[in-house]
Amino acid sequence: MGVYHAGSRAVQERVGVRERADHVGASIGEGIKPIAAAFLEAQPLLTVGAADPSTGAVWASPLTGPPGFVRATGPRQMSVTGGVPASDPLTAALAEEGTLVGTIALDPRTRRRMRLNGRLRPTERGFAVTADRVFANCPKYLQRRESYEVVAGRAVGVPRRERQLSSAQAEFIATSDTFFLTTVHPDGADTSHRGGNPGFVRVASPGELSWRDYPGNSMFLTLGNLAADPRAGLLLLDWTTGTTLQLTGEARTEFDAAGGRRVRLAIREVIETPEALPLRWSPPAYSPANPPLGG
């Protein structure tokens, strides 16, 4: 199947889910269906991931706007009004014709998410993405947040760039319930969601963190990408203050004898931006699918 490259196939074979992956992979298409188009237009948040063309580092960045700032403008095209600030590590990538991007629109209110991967084209008002892959995911491990407010007239803080985590950043990660993850392969990029009960991400040191890979859809697009190319970008949001934490580095997957998997990220750079986003979300109701901590 053209949906998978050698990296994903290798992980599927190792875990023993190739037949199921073929079945699930049939749901991936190139077109944006009407229900997906309606979903996009209702979202105030989109996460975009790509590789910086100058450094090769992979990042995930948030974009926000009033519902309708992201919309389907064709059977295979998603258009975005606006972009990232000039200080964002993906500024150059999102201004370059043909950049391979992975995007995810996630709605905590409905616990729905949609991923669209493709090639970017800058426009006068932002950018458009011609889709190569469009698919939805089940609500597993996605925390419900009932509502959000928009803070007007806020002062965005100055981004702080470091080579490793501060103690405050490590504590923030260790108590987070959600992050976004961008990975790449020669023909594309993919941005996905990871969630769990607070503590599901472990900080081993200022330069390394890890998380268990919980059972999912068996496609192994993310782990497959990492098997082919270890570069990765993480985005964590403070849902109550709008602060963002972006990490880039290299990740590897460890498999244990019982079939469990843990992903370890060696951090190369950290960017923290206070009050980067105008959205303020209500407290979470944790997903009933979240596994207990440990292991």
Protein backbone atom coordinates (compact mmCIF):
# COMPACT_ATOMS: atom_id res chain seq x y z
CA MET A 1 0.00 0.00 0.00
CA GLY A 2 1.28 3.45 -0.93
CA VAL A 3 0.17 4.81 2.45
CA TYR A 4 3.20 3.29 4.19
CA HIS A 5 6.94 3.54 3.66
CA ALA A 6 9.60 1.06 4.78
CA GLY A 7 9.90 2.54 8.28
CA SER A 8 6.21 2.07 9.10
CA ARG A 9 6.22 -1.39 7.57
CA ALA A 10 9.17 -2.42 9.71
CA VAL A 11 7.41 -1.37 12.92
CA GLN A 12 4.12 -2.99 11.85
CA GLU A 13 5.94 -6.26 11.17
CA ARG A 14 7.77 -6.12 14.49
CA VAL A 15 4.54 -5.54 16.43
CA GLY A 16 2.57 -8.02 14.30
CA VAL A 17 -0.17 -5.68 13.04
CA ARG A 18 0.48 -5.50 9.31
CA GLU A 19 -2.90 -6.88 8.31
CA ARG A 20 -4.74 -4.49 10.61
CA ALA A 21 -2.59 -1.60 9.33
CA ASP A 22 -3.64 -2.39 5.77
CA HIS A 23 -7.28 -2.28 6.81
CA VAL A 24 -6.94 1.00 8.72
CA GLY A 25 -4.78 2.55 6.02
CA ALA A 26 -7.63 2.23 3.54
CA SER A 27 -9.35 5.10 5.39
CA ILE A 28 -6.60 7.55 4.43
CA GLY A 29 -7.47 9.65 1.41
CA GLU A 30 -6.38 12.78 -0.41
CA GLY A 31 -9.72 14.59 -0.35
CA ILE A 32 -11.33 16.75 2.30
CA LYS A 33 -14.88 15.49 2.83
CA PRO A 34 -17.70 17.90 3.71
CA ILE A 35 -17.78 16.78 7.35
CA ALA A 36 -14.03 17.39 7.59
CA ALA A 37 -14.39 20.81 5.96
CA ALA A 38 -17.04 21.80 8.50
CA PHE A 39 -14.82 20.60 11.33
CA LEU A 40 -11.87 22.68 10.12
CA GLU A 41 -13.91 25.86 9.89
CA ALA A 42 -14.97 25.55 13.54
CA GLN A 43 -11.44 25.41 14.94
CA PRO A 44 -9.51 28.25 16.65
CA LEU A 45 -6.23 26.26 16.74
CA LEU A 46 -4.09 24.44 14.17
CA THR A 47 -0.72 22.82 14.79
CA VAL A 48 1.72 22.75 11.86
CA GLY A 49 4.96 20.82 11.72
CA ALA A 50 7.87 20.87 9.27
CA ALA A 51 11.65 20.98 9.01
CA ASP A 52 13.50 24.29 9.10
CA PRO A 53 15.07 24.59 5.62
CA SER A 54 18.22 26.23 6.97
CA THR A 55 19.04 23.94 9.89
CA GLY A 56 17.04 20.78 9.17
CA ALA A 57 15.62 20.85 12.69
CA VAL A 58 12.01 19.66 12.95
CA TRP A 59 9.52 21.83 14.84
CA ALA A 60 5.82 21.92 15.64
CA SER A 61 4.19 25.36 15.85
CA PRO A 62 0.71 26.56 16.82
CA LEU A 63 -1.47 28.89 14.77
CA THR A 64 -4.63 30.50 16.11
CA GLY A 65 -7.43 32.67 14.76
CA PRO A 66 -11.17 33.13 14.81
CA PRO A 67 -13.07 30.05 13.56
CA GLY A 68 -12.81 30.13 9.78
CA PHE A 69 -9.14 31.10 9.70
CA VAL A 70 -8.57 27.48 8.60
CA ARG A 71 -10.88 26.21 5.88
CA ALA A 72 -11.12 23.88 2.93
CA THR A 73 -10.90 25.85 -0.33
CA GLY A 74 -10.96 22.87 -2.66
CA PRO A 75 -11.33 19.09 -2.68
CA ARG A 76 -7.66 18.75 -1.74
CA GLN A 77 -6.75 22.19 -0.46
CA MET A 78 -6.70 23.70 3.01
CA SER A 79 -6.11 27.44 3.33
CA VAL A 80 -4.88 29.27 6.43
CA THR A 81 -5.23 33.00 7.04
CA GLY A 82 -2.32 34.39 9.02
CA GLY A 83 0.80 32.58 10.11
CA VAL A 84 3.40 32.27 12.81
CA PRO A 85 5.27 35.20 14.39
CA ALA A 86 8.60 36.24 12.89
CA SER A 87 10.35 34.72 15.91
CA ASP A 88 8.88 31.24 15.31
CA PRO A 89 11.35 28.57 14.14
CA LEU A 90 9.07 27.65 11.21
CA THR A 91 8.80 31.17 9.77
CA ALA A 92 11.10 30.37 6.83
CA ALA A 93 9.56 26.95 6.18
CA LEU A 94 6.02 28.34 6.01
CA ALA A 95 7.12 30.99 3.51
CA GLU A 96 8.77 28.53 1.12
CA GLU A 97 6.99 26.97 -1.86
CA GLY A 98 6.75 23.19 -1.62
CA THR A 99 7.54 22.77 2.07
CA LEU A 100 6.35 19.37 3.29
CA VAL A 101 4.06 19.96 6.27
CA GLY A 102 2.01 17.88 8.67
CA THR A 103 -0.98 19.54 10.32
CA ILE A 104 -3.47 18.56 12.98
CA ALA A 105 -6.68 20.28 14.03
CA LEU A 106 -7.68 19.08 17.48
CA ASP A 107 -10.91 20.10 19.22
CA PRO A 108 -10.85 19.37 22.97
CA ARG A 109 -14.55 20.29 23.19
CA THR A 110 -15.62 17.33 21.05
CA ARG A 111 -12.48 15.15 21.45
CA ARG A 112 -12.13 15.04 17.67
CA ARG A 113 -9.01 15.53 15.60
CA MET A 114 -8.09 15.63 11.94
CA ARG A 115 -4.70 15.32 10.30
CA LEU A 116 -3.82 16.72 6.88
CA ASN A 117 -0.37 16.31 5.36
CA GLY A 118 0.86 17.80 2.10
CA ARG A 119 2.82 20.51 0.33
CA LEU A 120 2.65 24.17 1.22
CA ARG A 121 2.16 27.18 -1.04
CA PRO A 122 2.48 30.71 0.39
CA THR A 123 -0.47 33.02 -0.32
CA GLU A 124 -1.08 36.74 0.14
CA ARG A 125 -2.97 36.16 3.38
CA GLY A 126 -1.12 33.13 4.74
CA PHE A 127 -0.59 29.78 3.08
CA ALA A 128 -2.39 26.85 1.49
CA VAL A 129 -1.65 23.12 1.70
CA THR A 130 -2.35 20.69 -1.10
CA ALA A 131 -3.27 17.48 0.65
CA ASP A 132 -1.51 14.16 0.15
CA ARG A 133 -3.14 12.53 3.18
CA VAL A 134 -6.30 13.40 5.09
CA PHE A 135 -7.60 11.29 7.96
CA ALA A 136 -9.29 11.44 11.33
CA ASN A 137 -8.36 9.66 14.55
CA CYS A 138 -10.38 8.15 17.35
CA PRO A 139 -10.71 10.15 20.60
CA LYS A 140 -8.34 7.91 22.56
CA TYR A 141 -6.08 9.73 25.01
CA LEU A 142 -7.62 13.11 24.16
CA GLN A 143 -8.65 15.17 27.20
CA ARG A 144 -11.94 17.05 27.03
CA ARG A 145 -11.89 20.79 27.62
CA GLU A 146 -15.41 22.15 27.50
CA SER A 147 -14.79 25.70 26.33
CA TYR A 148 -12.27 28.42 25.64
CA GLU A 149 -11.99 32.18 25.91
CA VAL A 150 -10.00 34.59 23.75
CA VAL A 151 -7.82 37.15 25.52
CA ALA A 152 -7.63 40.40 23.55
CA GLY A 153 -4.81 42.91 23.71
CA ARG A 154 -2.35 40.62 25.47
CA ALA A 155 1.39 41.23 25.34
CA VAL A 156 3.20 38.21 23.89
CA GLY A 157 6.32 37.45 25.87
CA VAL A 158 9.83 37.38 24.46
CA PRO A 159 10.78 33.84 23.31
CA ARG A 160 13.53 32.24 25.38
CA ARG A 161 15.81 29.83 23.51
CA GLU A 162 17.97 27.33 25.38
CA ARG A 163 19.82 24.09 24.69
CA GLN A 164 18.16 22.18 27.50
CA LEU A 165 15.22 22.33 29.87
CA SER A 166 15.08 24.53 32.93
CA SER A 167 13.75 23.05 36.16
CA ALA A 168 10.46 24.94 35.69
CA GLN A 169 10.08 23.64 32.14
CA ALA A 170 10.83 20.10 33.26
CA GLU A 171 8.13 20.37 35.92
CA PHE A 172 5.65 21.75 33.39
CA ILE A 173 6.30 18.81 31.03
CA ALA A 174 6.02 16.28 33.86
CA THR A 175 2.54 17.58 34.73
CA SER A 176 1.25 17.93 31.14
CA ASP A 177 -1.52 15.77 29.70
CA THR A 178 -1.06 16.57 25.99
CA PHE A 179 1.59 17.34 23.42
CA PHE A 180 1.88 17.52 19.64
CA LEU A 181 4.59 15.63 17.78
CA THR A 182 5.99 16.25 14.29
CA THR A 183 8.07 13.67 12.44
CA VAL A 184 9.32 13.52 8.86
CA HIS A 185 10.29 11.15 6.07
CA PRO A 186 11.66 11.79 2.57
CA ASP A 187 8.23 12.30 1.02
CA GLY A 188 6.35 14.10 3.75
CA ALA A 189 5.80 15.31 7.29
CA ASP A 190 3.26 14.25 9.90
CA THR A 191 1.97 15.95 13.04
CA SER A 192 0.13 13.87 15.62
CA HIS A 193 -1.19 14.11 19.17
CA ARG A 194 -0.03 12.31 22.28
CA GLY A 195 -2.03 12.36 25.50
CA GLY A 196 -2.28 10.69 28.87
CA ASN A 197 -2.71 11.34 32.56
CA PRO A 198 -0.30 13.94 33.98
CA GLY A 199 3.04 12.24 34.41
CA PHE A 200 2.84 10.22 31.18
CA VAL A 201 5.85 12.18 29.93
CA ARG A 202 8.99 11.61 32.00
CA VAL A 203 11.90 14.02 32.14
CA ALA A 204 15.05 11.96 32.60
CA SER A 205 17.43 14.93 32.55
CA PRO A 206 17.54 18.52 31.24
CA GLY A 207 18.43 17.04 27.86
CA GLU A 208 16.14 14.00 27.61
CA LEU A 209 12.51 13.06 28.06
CA SER A 210 10.45 10.00 27.20
CA TRP A 211 6.91 8.67 26.97
CA ARG A 212 5.20 5.31 26.57
CA ASP A 213 3.76 4.66 23.13
CA TYR A 214 0.17 3.71 23.92
CA PRO A 215 -1.79 1.34 21.63
CA GLY A 216 -3.35 3.25 18.74
CA ASN A 217 -4.55 2.73 15.19
CA SER A 218 -1.72 0.31 14.25
CA MET A 219 -0.55 2.43 11.31
CA PHE A 220 2.64 3.48 13.12
CA LEU A 221 3.12 6.55 10.95
CA THR A 222 5.01 8.36 13.71
CA LEU A 223 7.22 5.50 14.85
CA GLY A 224 7.73 4.54 11.22
CA ASN A 225 8.99 8.03 10.45
CA LEU A 226 11.34 7.90 13.43
CA ALA A 227 12.67 4.56 12.24
CA ALA A 228 13.62 6.24 8.96
CA ASP A 229 14.60 9.68 10.31
CA PRO A 230 15.07 10.41 14.04
CA ARG A 231 14.35 14.15 13.83
CA ALA A 232 11.31 15.25 15.82
CA GLY A 233 9.60 18.37 17.10
CA LEU A 234 7.32 18.65 20.14
CA LEU A 235 4.84 21.36 21.10
CA LEU A 236 3.32 21.66 24.56
CA LEU A 237 0.67 24.22 25.45
CA ASP A 238 -0.18 25.74 28.77
CA TRP A 239 -3.93 25.62 28.23
CA THR A 240 -4.57 28.21 30.98
CA THR A 241 -1.94 30.89 30.20
CA GLY A 242 -1.28 30.49 26.48
CA THR A 243 2.44 29.87 27.02
CA THR A 244 4.04 27.49 24.51
CA LEU A 245 7.03 25.19 24.83
CA GLN A 246 8.64 23.96 21.61
CA LEU A 247 11.34 21.29 21.55
CA THR A 248 13.41 19.87 18.73
CA GLY A 249 15.74 16.92 18.81
CA GLU A 250 16.19 13.28 17.84
CA ALA A 251 14.01 10.42 19.03
CA ARG A 252 14.38 6.67 19.18
CA THR A 253 11.91 3.92 20.05
CA GLU A 254 12.74 1.21 22.57
CA PHE A 255 10.85 -2.12 22.41
CA ASP A 256 10.67 -4.40 25.43
CA ALA A 257 10.17 -8.15 25.59
CA ALA A 258 6.51 -7.79 26.62
CA GLY A 259 5.65 -5.76 23.53
CA GLY A 260 5.73 -2.35 25.17
CA ARG A 261 7.31 0.68 23.54
CA ARG A 262 8.92 3.82 24.91
CA VAL A 263 10.10 6.79 22.85
CA ARG A 264 13.10 8.80 24.07
CA LEU A 265 13.84 12.30 22.81
CA ALA A 266 17.33 13.78 23.00
CA ILE A 267 16.67 17.52 23.14
CA ARG A 268 18.70 19.83 20.90
CA GLU A 269 16.90 23.13 21.47
CA VAL A 270 14.04 24.55 23.58
CA ILE A 271 11.90 27.63 22.89
CA GLU A 272 9.51 28.94 25.54
CA THR A 273 7.17 31.82 24.61
CA PRO A 274 5.09 33.29 27.45
CA GLU A 275 1.47 34.03 26.53
CA ALA A 276 2.12 33.13 22.90
CA LEU A 277 -1.52 32.17 22.28
CA PRO A 278 -4.72 34.11 23.03
CA LEU A 279 -6.74 31.00 23.91
CA ARG A 280 -7.57 30.08 27.51
CA TRP A 281 -9.22 26.69 27.96
CA SER A 282 -11.32 25.25 30.76
CA PRO A 283 -9.87 22.52 33.04
CA PRO A 284 -9.57 19.05 31.51
CA ALA A 285 -11.65 15.94 31.99
CA TYR A 286 -9.13 13.17 31.40
CA SER A 287 -9.83 10.56 28.78
CA PRO A 288 -11.17 7.26 30.22
CA ALA A 289 -8.80 5.53 27.77
CA ASN A 290 -5.68 6.91 29.48
CA PRO A 291 -3.67 3.98 30.87
CA PRO A 292 -2.51 4.06 34.49
CA LEU A 293 0.96 5.46 34.96
CA GLY A 294 3.94 3.19 35.33
CA GLY A 295 5.99 1.01 33.09
